[in-house]
Amino acid sequence: MSRIGNIAQKAFYLGMGLASVAADKAAHRLSDLRKQAQTLTDELVERGEMSAEEALQFVDNFVKRELERAEAEMKAAE
């Protein structure tokens, strides 16, 4: 393989590795945020400040917004 081809191959693998690491970090962060949102909503339900249905909707909307934000950040980084 030519030297330029070897460099291109290494650059491709580096890009794939970086994308994989970024995806793993995003998934971990989203999981942490979902747990925090769930804990908050559980407390609000216990206090009677929010119904169980409202809590479920809140967590779903929260996760959806975070996914959209993460996708926008990834597109901006490209």
PDB file of N, CA and C in Angstrom:
ATOM      1  N   MET A   1       0.858  -1.178   0.000  1.00  0.00           N
ATOM      2  CA  MET A   1       0.000   0.000   0.000  1.00  0.00           C
ATOM      3  C   MET A   1       0.900   1.235   0.000  1.00  0.00           C
ATOM      4  N   SER A   2       0.500   2.229  -0.731  1.00  0.00           N
ATOM      5  CA  SER A   2       1.304   3.442  -0.811  1.00  0.00           C
ATOM      6  C   SER A   2       1.262   4.177   0.525  1.00  0.00           C
ATOM      7  N   ARG A   3       2.220   5.048   0.690  1.00  0.00           N
ATOM      8  CA  ARG A   3       2.328   5.813   1.930  1.00  0.00           C
ATOM      9  C   ARG A   3       1.093   6.695   2.140  1.00  0.00           C
ATOM     10  N   ILE A   4       0.597   7.327   1.083  1.00  0.00           N
ATOM     11  CA  ILE A   4      -0.588   8.180   1.184  1.00  0.00           C
ATOM     12  C   ILE A   4      -1.806   7.332   1.541  1.00  0.00           C
ATOM     13  N   GLY A   5      -1.911   6.159   0.954  1.00  0.00           N
ATOM     14  CA  GLY A   5      -3.019   5.249   1.273  1.00  0.00           C
ATOM     15  C   GLY A   5      -2.981   4.811   2.721  1.00  0.00           C
ATOM     16  N   ASN A   6      -1.782   4.568   3.239  1.00  0.00           N
ATOM     17  CA  ASN A   6      -1.607   4.175   4.631  1.00  0.00           C
ATOM     18  C   ASN A   6      -2.027   5.311   5.568  1.00  0.00           C
ATOM     19  N   ILE A   7      -1.651   6.520   5.239  1.00  0.00           N
ATOM     20  CA  ILE A   7      -2.029   7.688   6.046  1.00  0.00           C
ATOM     21  C   ILE A   7      -3.536   7.887   6.013  1.00  0.00           C
ATOM     22  N   ALA A   8      -4.133   7.735   4.846  1.00  0.00           N
ATOM     23  CA  ALA A   8      -5.580   7.890   4.712  1.00  0.00           C
ATOM     24  C   ALA A   8      -6.313   6.833   5.535  1.00  0.00           C
ATOM     25  N   GLN A   9      -5.796   5.615   5.503  1.00  0.00           N
ATOM     26  CA  GLN A   9      -6.411   4.534   6.267  1.00  0.00           C
ATOM     27  C   GLN A   9      -6.323   4.832   7.768  1.00  0.00           C
ATOM     28  N   LYS A  10      -5.180   5.280   8.232  1.00  0.00           N
ATOM     29  CA  LYS A  10      -5.016   5.616   9.649  1.00  0.00           C
ATOM     30  C   LYS A  10      -5.929   6.774  10.051  1.00  0.00           C
ATOM     31  N   ALA A  11      -6.068   7.766   9.184  1.00  0.00           N
ATOM     32  CA  ALA A  11      -6.953   8.901   9.469  1.00  0.00           C
ATOM     33  C   ALA A  11      -8.403   8.432   9.562  1.00  0.00           C
ATOM     34  N   PHE A  12      -8.785   7.515   8.674  1.00  0.00           N
ATOM     35  CA  PHE A  12     -10.144   6.968   8.707  1.00  0.00           C
ATOM     36  C   PHE A  12     -10.392   6.237  10.024  1.00  0.00           C
ATOM     37  N   TYR A  13      -9.467   5.376  10.418  1.00  0.00           N
ATOM     38  CA  TYR A  13      -9.633   4.628  11.667  1.00  0.00           C
ATOM     39  C   TYR A  13      -9.629   5.554  12.883  1.00  0.00           C
ATOM     40  N   LEU A  14      -8.830   6.596  12.836  1.00  0.00           N
ATOM     41  CA  LEU A  14      -8.831   7.577  13.920  1.00  0.00           C
ATOM     42  C   LEU A  14     -10.198   8.249  14.024  1.00  0.00           C
ATOM     43  N   GLY A  15     -10.755   8.643  12.899  1.00  0.00           N
ATOM     44  CA  GLY A  15     -12.083   9.264  12.884  1.00  0.00           C
ATOM     45  C   GLY A  15     -13.153   8.327  13.406  1.00  0.00           C
ATOM     46  N   MET A  16     -13.097   7.072  13.014  1.00  0.00           N
ATOM     47  CA  MET A  16     -14.063   6.091  13.504  1.00  0.00           C
ATOM     48  C   MET A  16     -13.911   5.880  15.002  1.00  0.00           C
ATOM     49  N   GLY A  17     -12.700   5.841  15.486  1.00  0.00           N
ATOM     50  CA  GLY A  17     -12.462   5.679  16.919  1.00  0.00           C
ATOM     51  C   GLY A  17     -12.990   6.861  17.714  1.00  0.00           C
ATOM     52  N   LEU A  18     -12.740   8.061  17.202  1.00  0.00           N
ATOM     53  CA  LEU A  18     -13.237   9.263  17.884  1.00  0.00           C
ATOM     54  C   LEU A  18     -14.756   9.295  17.897  1.00  0.00           C
ATOM     55  N   ALA A  19     -15.382   8.910  16.807  1.00  0.00           N
ATOM     56  CA  ALA A  19     -16.847   8.882  16.747  1.00  0.00           C
ATOM     57  C   ALA A  19     -17.403   7.864  17.738  1.00  0.00           C
ATOM     58  N   SER A  20     -16.740   6.735  17.860  1.00  0.00           N
ATOM     59  CA  SER A  20     -17.180   5.700  18.790  1.00  0.00           C
ATOM     60  C   SER A  20     -17.078   6.178  20.240  1.00  0.00           C
ATOM     61  N   VAL A  21     -15.969   6.813  20.575  1.00  0.00           N
ATOM     62  CA  VAL A  21     -15.779   7.338  21.931  1.00  0.00           C
ATOM     63  C   VAL A  21     -16.817   8.413  22.229  1.00  0.00           C
ATOM     64  N   ALA A  22     -17.066   9.288  21.277  1.00  0.00           N
ATOM     65  CA  ALA A  22     -18.052  10.354  21.472  1.00  0.00           C
ATOM     66  C   ALA A  22     -19.451   9.768  21.684  1.00  0.00           C
ATOM     67  N   ALA A  23     -19.794   8.743  20.923  1.00  0.00           N
ATOM     68  CA  ALA A  23     -21.111   8.110  21.075  1.00  0.00           C
ATOM     69  C   ALA A  23     -21.245   7.451  22.438  1.00  0.00           C
ATOM     70  N   ASP A  24     -20.183   6.795  22.898  1.00  0.00           N
ATOM     71  CA  ASP A  24     -20.213   6.162  24.217  1.00  0.00           C
ATOM     72  C   ASP A  24     -20.384   7.198  25.322  1.00  0.00           C
ATOM     73  N   LYS A  25     -19.649   8.304  25.222  1.00  0.00           N
ATOM     74  CA  LYS A  25     -19.760   9.362  26.227  1.00  0.00           C
ATOM     75  C   LYS A  25     -21.154   9.976  26.230  1.00  0.00           C
ATOM     76  N   ALA A  26     -21.714  10.182  25.050  1.00  0.00           N
ATOM     77  CA  ALA A  26     -23.057  10.763  24.946  1.00  0.00           C
ATOM     78  C   ALA A  26     -24.090   9.829  25.563  1.00  0.00           C
ATOM     79  N   ALA A  27     -23.971   8.546  25.306  1.00  0.00           N
ATOM     80  CA  ALA A  27     -24.915   7.574  25.861  1.00  0.00           C
ATOM     81  C   ALA A  27     -24.807   7.537  27.381  1.00  0.00           C
ATOM     82  N   HIS A  28     -23.591   7.579  27.897  1.00  0.00           N
ATOM     83  CA  HIS A  28     -23.384   7.569  29.349  1.00  0.00           C
ATOM     84  C   HIS A  28     -23.959   8.833  29.977  1.00  0.00           C
ATOM     85  N   ARG A  29     -23.715   9.967  29.350  1.00  0.00           N
ATOM     86  CA  ARG A  29     -24.225  11.244  29.870  1.00  0.00           C
ATOM     87  C   ARG A  29     -25.748  11.267  29.854  1.00  0.00           C
ATOM     88  N   LEU A  30     -26.339  10.779  28.772  1.00  0.00           N
ATOM     89  CA  LEU A  30     -27.787  10.746  28.661  1.00  0.00           C
ATOM     90  C   LEU A  30     -28.383   9.826  29.726  1.00  0.00           C
ATOM     91  N   SER A  31     -27.733   8.715  29.985  1.00  0.00           N
ATOM     92  CA  SER A  31     -28.196   7.795  31.019  1.00  0.00           C
ATOM     93  C   SER A  31     -28.173   8.470  32.385  1.00  0.00           C
ATOM     94  N   ASP A  32     -27.105   9.197  32.674  1.00  0.00           N
ATOM     95  CA  ASP A  32     -27.009   9.926  33.947  1.00  0.00           C
ATOM     96  C   ASP A  32     -28.098  10.986  34.060  1.00  0.00           C
ATOM     97  N   LEU A  33     -28.332  11.723  32.986  1.00  0.00           N
ATOM     98  CA  LEU A  33     -29.367  12.755  33.000  1.00  0.00           C
ATOM     99  C   LEU A  33     -30.752  12.153  33.187  1.00  0.00           C
ATOM    100  N   ARG A  34     -30.982  11.013  32.553  1.00  0.00           N
ATOM    101  CA  ARG A  34     -32.287  10.352  32.700  1.00  0.00           C
ATOM    102  C   ARG A  34     -32.504   9.915  34.155  1.00  0.00           C
ATOM    103  N   LYS A  35     -31.463   9.379  34.792  1.00  0.00           N
ATOM    104  CA  LYS A  35     -31.571   8.975  36.198  1.00  0.00           C
ATOM    105  C   LYS A  35     -31.873  10.176  37.086  1.00  0.00           C
ATOM    106  N   GLN A  36     -31.193  11.298  36.830  1.00  0.00           N
ATOM    107  CA  GLN A  36     -31.430  12.502  37.621  1.00  0.00           C
ATOM    108  C   GLN A  36     -32.857  13.007  37.434  1.00  0.00           C
ATOM    109  N   ALA A  37     -33.341  13.010  36.199  1.00  0.00           N
ATOM    110  CA  ALA A  37     -34.704  13.463  35.927  1.00  0.00           C
ATOM    111  C   ALA A  37     -35.713  12.535  36.588  1.00  0.00           C
ATOM    112  N   GLN A  38     -35.437  11.238  36.553  1.00  0.00           N
ATOM    113  CA  GLN A  38     -36.343  10.273  37.172  1.00  0.00           C
ATOM    114  C   GLN A  38     -36.385  10.463  38.681  1.00  0.00           C
ATOM    115  N   THR A  39     -35.238  10.707  39.301  1.00  0.00           N
ATOM    116  CA  THR A  39     -35.190  10.942  40.742  1.00  0.00           C
ATOM    117  C   THR A  39     -35.990  12.186  41.107  1.00  0.00           C
ATOM    118  N   LEU A  40     -35.817  13.240  40.347  1.00  0.00           N
ATOM    119  CA  LEU A  40     -36.555  14.481  40.594  1.00  0.00           C
ATOM    120  C   LEU A  40     -38.056  14.262  40.467  1.00  0.00           C
ATOM    121  N   THR A  41     -38.466  13.592  39.417  1.00  0.00           N
ATOM    122  CA  THR A  41     -39.903  13.381  39.224  1.00  0.00           C
ATOM    123  C   THR A  41     -40.477  12.449  40.291  1.00  0.00           C
ATOM    124  N   ASP A  42     -39.708  11.457  40.723  1.00  0.00           N
ATOM    125  CA  ASP A  42     -40.171  10.580  41.804  1.00  0.00           C
ATOM    126  C   ASP A  42     -40.445  11.394  43.070  1.00  0.00           C
ATOM    127  N   GLU A  43     -39.547  12.329  43.371  1.00  0.00           N
ATOM    128  CA  GLU A  43     -39.738  13.186  44.548  1.00  0.00           C
ATOM    129  C   GLU A  43     -40.980  14.062  44.399  1.00  0.00           C
ATOM    130  N   LEU A  44     -41.187  14.614  43.217  1.00  0.00           N
ATOM    131  CA  LEU A  44     -42.357  15.464  42.988  1.00  0.00           C
ATOM    132  C   LEU A  44     -43.656  14.663  43.087  1.00  0.00           C
ATOM    133  N   VAL A  45     -43.635  13.434  42.605  1.00  0.00           N
ATOM    134  CA  VAL A  45     -44.820  12.579  42.707  1.00  0.00           C
ATOM    135  C   VAL A  45     -45.103  12.263  44.171  1.00  0.00           C
ATOM    136  N   GLU A  46     -44.063  11.940  44.940  1.00  0.00           N
ATOM    137  CA  GLU A  46     -44.230  11.657  46.366  1.00  0.00           C
ATOM    138  C   GLU A  46     -44.854  12.833  47.105  1.00  0.00           C
ATOM    139  N   ARG A  47     -44.452  14.028  46.762  1.00  0.00           N
ATOM    140  CA  ARG A  47     -44.976  15.234  47.409  1.00  0.00           C
ATOM    141  C   ARG A  47     -46.381  15.588  46.927  1.00  0.00           C
ATOM    142  N   GLY A  48     -46.805  14.956  45.850  1.00  0.00           N
ATOM    143  CA  GLY A  48     -48.117  15.257  45.300  1.00  0.00           C
ATOM    144  C   GLY A  48     -48.116  16.469  44.395  1.00  0.00           C
ATOM    145  N   GLU A  49     -46.933  16.935  44.018  1.00  0.00           N
ATOM    146  CA  GLU A  49     -46.817  18.109  43.159  1.00  0.00           C
ATOM    147  C   GLU A  49     -46.936  17.756  41.675  1.00  0.00           C
ATOM    148  N   MET A  50     -46.893  16.451  41.379  1.00  0.00           N
ATOM    149  CA  MET A  50     -46.967  16.004  39.992  1.00  0.00           C
ATOM    150  C   MET A  50     -47.589  14.613  39.990  1.00  0.00           C
ATOM    151  N   SER A  51     -48.441  14.351  39.009  1.00  0.00           N
ATOM    152  CA  SER A  51     -49.023  13.009  38.901  1.00  0.00           C
ATOM    153  C   SER A  51     -48.011  12.069  38.241  1.00  0.00           C
ATOM    154  N   ALA A  52     -48.252  10.775  38.368  1.00  0.00           N
ATOM    155  CA  ALA A  52     -47.353   9.794  37.755  1.00  0.00           C
ATOM    156  C   ALA A  52     -47.324   9.954  36.239  1.00  0.00           C
ATOM    157  N   GLU A  53     -48.481  10.252  35.654  1.00  0.00           N
ATOM    158  CA  GLU A  53     -48.547  10.445  34.202  1.00  0.00           C
ATOM    159  C   GLU A  53     -47.745  11.674  33.782  1.00  0.00           C
ATOM    160  N   GLU A  54     -47.874  12.768  34.536  1.00  0.00           N
ATOM    161  CA  GLU A  54     -47.102  13.985  34.236  1.00  0.00           C
ATOM    162  C   GLU A  54     -45.608  13.717  34.377  1.00  0.00           C
ATOM    163  N   ALA A  55     -45.240  12.923  35.374  1.00  0.00           N
ATOM    164  CA  ALA A  55     -43.828  12.596  35.590  1.00  0.00           C
ATOM    165  C   ALA A  55     -43.268  11.813  34.411  1.00  0.00           C
ATOM    166  N   LEU A  56     -44.030  10.839  33.937  1.00  0.00           N
ATOM    167  CA  LEU A  56     -43.589  10.043  32.790  1.00  0.00           C
ATOM    168  C   LEU A  56     -43.418  10.921  31.565  1.00  0.00           C
ATOM    169  N   GLN A  57     -44.374  11.798  31.333  1.00  0.00           N
ATOM    170  CA  GLN A  57     -44.306  12.702  30.184  1.00  0.00           C
ATOM    171  C   GLN A  57     -43.108  13.650  30.321  1.00  0.00           C
ATOM    172  N   PHE A  58     -42.871  14.137  31.530  1.00  0.00           N
ATOM    173  CA  PHE A  58     -41.740  15.042  31.772  1.00  0.00           C
ATOM    174  C   PHE A  58     -40.420  14.353  31.430  1.00  0.00           C
ATOM    175  N   VAL A  59     -40.231  13.138  31.921  1.00  0.00           N
ATOM    176  CA  VAL A  59     -38.971  12.420  31.670  1.00  0.00           C
ATOM    177  C   VAL A  59     -38.818  12.135  30.180  1.00  0.00           C
ATOM    178  N   ASP A  60     -39.887  11.709  29.526  1.00  0.00           N
ATOM    179  CA  ASP A  60     -39.816  11.442  28.084  1.00  0.00           C
ATOM    180  C   ASP A  60     -39.453  12.704  27.301  1.00  0.00           C
ATOM    181  N   ASN A  61     -40.078  13.815  27.626  1.00  0.00           N
ATOM    182  CA  ASN A  61     -39.772  15.081  26.947  1.00  0.00           C
ATOM    183  C   ASN A  61     -38.341  15.523  27.222  1.00  0.00           C
ATOM    184  N   PHE A  62     -37.899  15.333  28.449  1.00  0.00           N
ATOM    185  CA  PHE A  62     -36.544  15.708  28.830  1.00  0.00           C
ATOM    186  C   PHE A  62     -35.522  14.922  28.013  1.00  0.00           C
ATOM    187  N   VAL A  63     -35.718  13.615  27.935  1.00  0.00           N
ATOM    188  CA  VAL A  63     -34.783  12.768  27.180  1.00  0.00           C
ATOM    189  C   VAL A  63     -34.823  13.140  25.704  1.00  0.00           C
ATOM    190  N   LYS A  64     -36.008  13.389  25.167  1.00  0.00           N
ATOM    191  CA  LYS A  64     -36.126  13.776  23.757  1.00  0.00           C
ATOM    192  C   LYS A  64     -35.356  15.063  23.474  1.00  0.00           C
ATOM    193  N   ARG A  65     -35.504  16.065  24.357  1.00  0.00           N
ATOM    194  CA  ARG A  65     -34.785  17.335  24.176  1.00  0.00           C
ATOM    195  C   ARG A  65     -33.272  17.130  24.242  1.00  0.00           C
ATOM    196  N   GLU A  66     -32.824  16.297  25.176  1.00  0.00           N
ATOM    197  CA  GLU A  66     -31.391  16.047  25.303  1.00  0.00           C
ATOM    198  C   GLU A  66     -30.838  15.321  24.077  1.00  0.00           C
ATOM    199  N   LEU A  67     -31.598  14.377  23.545  1.00  0.00           N
ATOM    200  CA  LEU A  67     -31.161  13.683  22.323  1.00  0.00           C
ATOM    201  C   LEU A  67     -31.054  14.650  21.160  1.00  0.00           C
ATOM    202  N   GLU A  68     -32.047  15.528  21.025  1.00  0.00           N
ATOM    203  CA  GLU A  68     -32.017  16.517  19.948  1.00  0.00           C
ATOM    204  C   GLU A  68     -30.833  17.466  20.113  1.00  0.00           C
ATOM    205  N   ARG A  69     -30.556  17.868  21.357  1.00  0.00           N
ATOM    206  CA  ARG A  69     -29.431  18.759  21.613  1.00  0.00           C
ATOM    207  C   ARG A  69     -28.113  18.059  21.286  1.00  0.00           C
ATOM    208  N   ALA A  70     -27.990  16.801  21.676  1.00  0.00           N
ATOM    209  CA  ALA A  70     -26.763  16.043  21.404  1.00  0.00           C
ATOM    210  C   ALA A  70     -26.558  15.870  19.899  1.00  0.00           C
ATOM    211  N   GLU A  71     -27.636  15.595  19.180  1.00  0.00           N
ATOM    212  CA  GLU A  71     -27.533  15.463  17.721  1.00  0.00           C
ATOM    213  C   GLU A  71     -27.100  16.767  17.083  1.00  0.00           C
ATOM    214  N   ALA A  72     -27.646  17.881  17.562  1.00  0.00           N
ATOM    215  CA  ALA A  72     -27.267  19.195  17.030  1.00  0.00           C
ATOM    216  C   ALA A  72     -25.791  19.488  17.308  1.00  0.00           C
ATOM    217  N   GLU A  73     -25.320  19.119  18.490  1.00  0.00           N
ATOM    218  CA  GLU A  73     -23.901  19.321  18.829  1.00  0.00           C
ATOM    219  C   GLU A  73     -23.011  18.487  17.932  1.00  0.00           C
ATOM    220  N   MET A  74     -23.420  17.246  17.669  1.00  0.00           N
ATOM    221  CA  MET A  74     -22.613  16.366  16.816  1.00  0.00           C
ATOM    222  C   MET A  74     -22.559  16.915  15.384  1.00  0.00           C
ATOM    223  N   LYS A  75     -23.694  17.406  14.893  1.00  0.00           N
ATOM    224  CA  LYS A  75     -23.717  17.985  13.542  1.00  0.00           C
ATOM    225  C   LYS A  75     -22.845  19.228  13.471  1.00  0.00           C
ATOM    226  N   ALA A  76     -22.867  20.041  14.525  1.00  0.00           N
ATOM    227  CA  ALA A  76     -22.057  21.264  14.557  1.00  0.00           C
ATOM    228  C   ALA A  76     -20.575  20.932  14.603  1.00  0.00           C
ATOM    229  N   ALA A  77     -20.226  19.811  15.227  1.00  0.00           N
ATOM    230  CA  ALA A  77     -18.824  19.407  15.331  1.00  0.00           C
ATOM    231  C   ALA A  77     -18.285  18.885  14.000  1.00  0.00           C
ATOM    232  N   GLU A  78     -19.176  18.431  13.145  1.00  0.00           N
ATOM    233  CA  GLU A  78     -18.737  17.897  11.839  1.00  0.00           C
ATOM    234  C   GLU A  78     -18.301  19.021  11.007  1.00  0.00           C
TER     235      GLU A  78
END
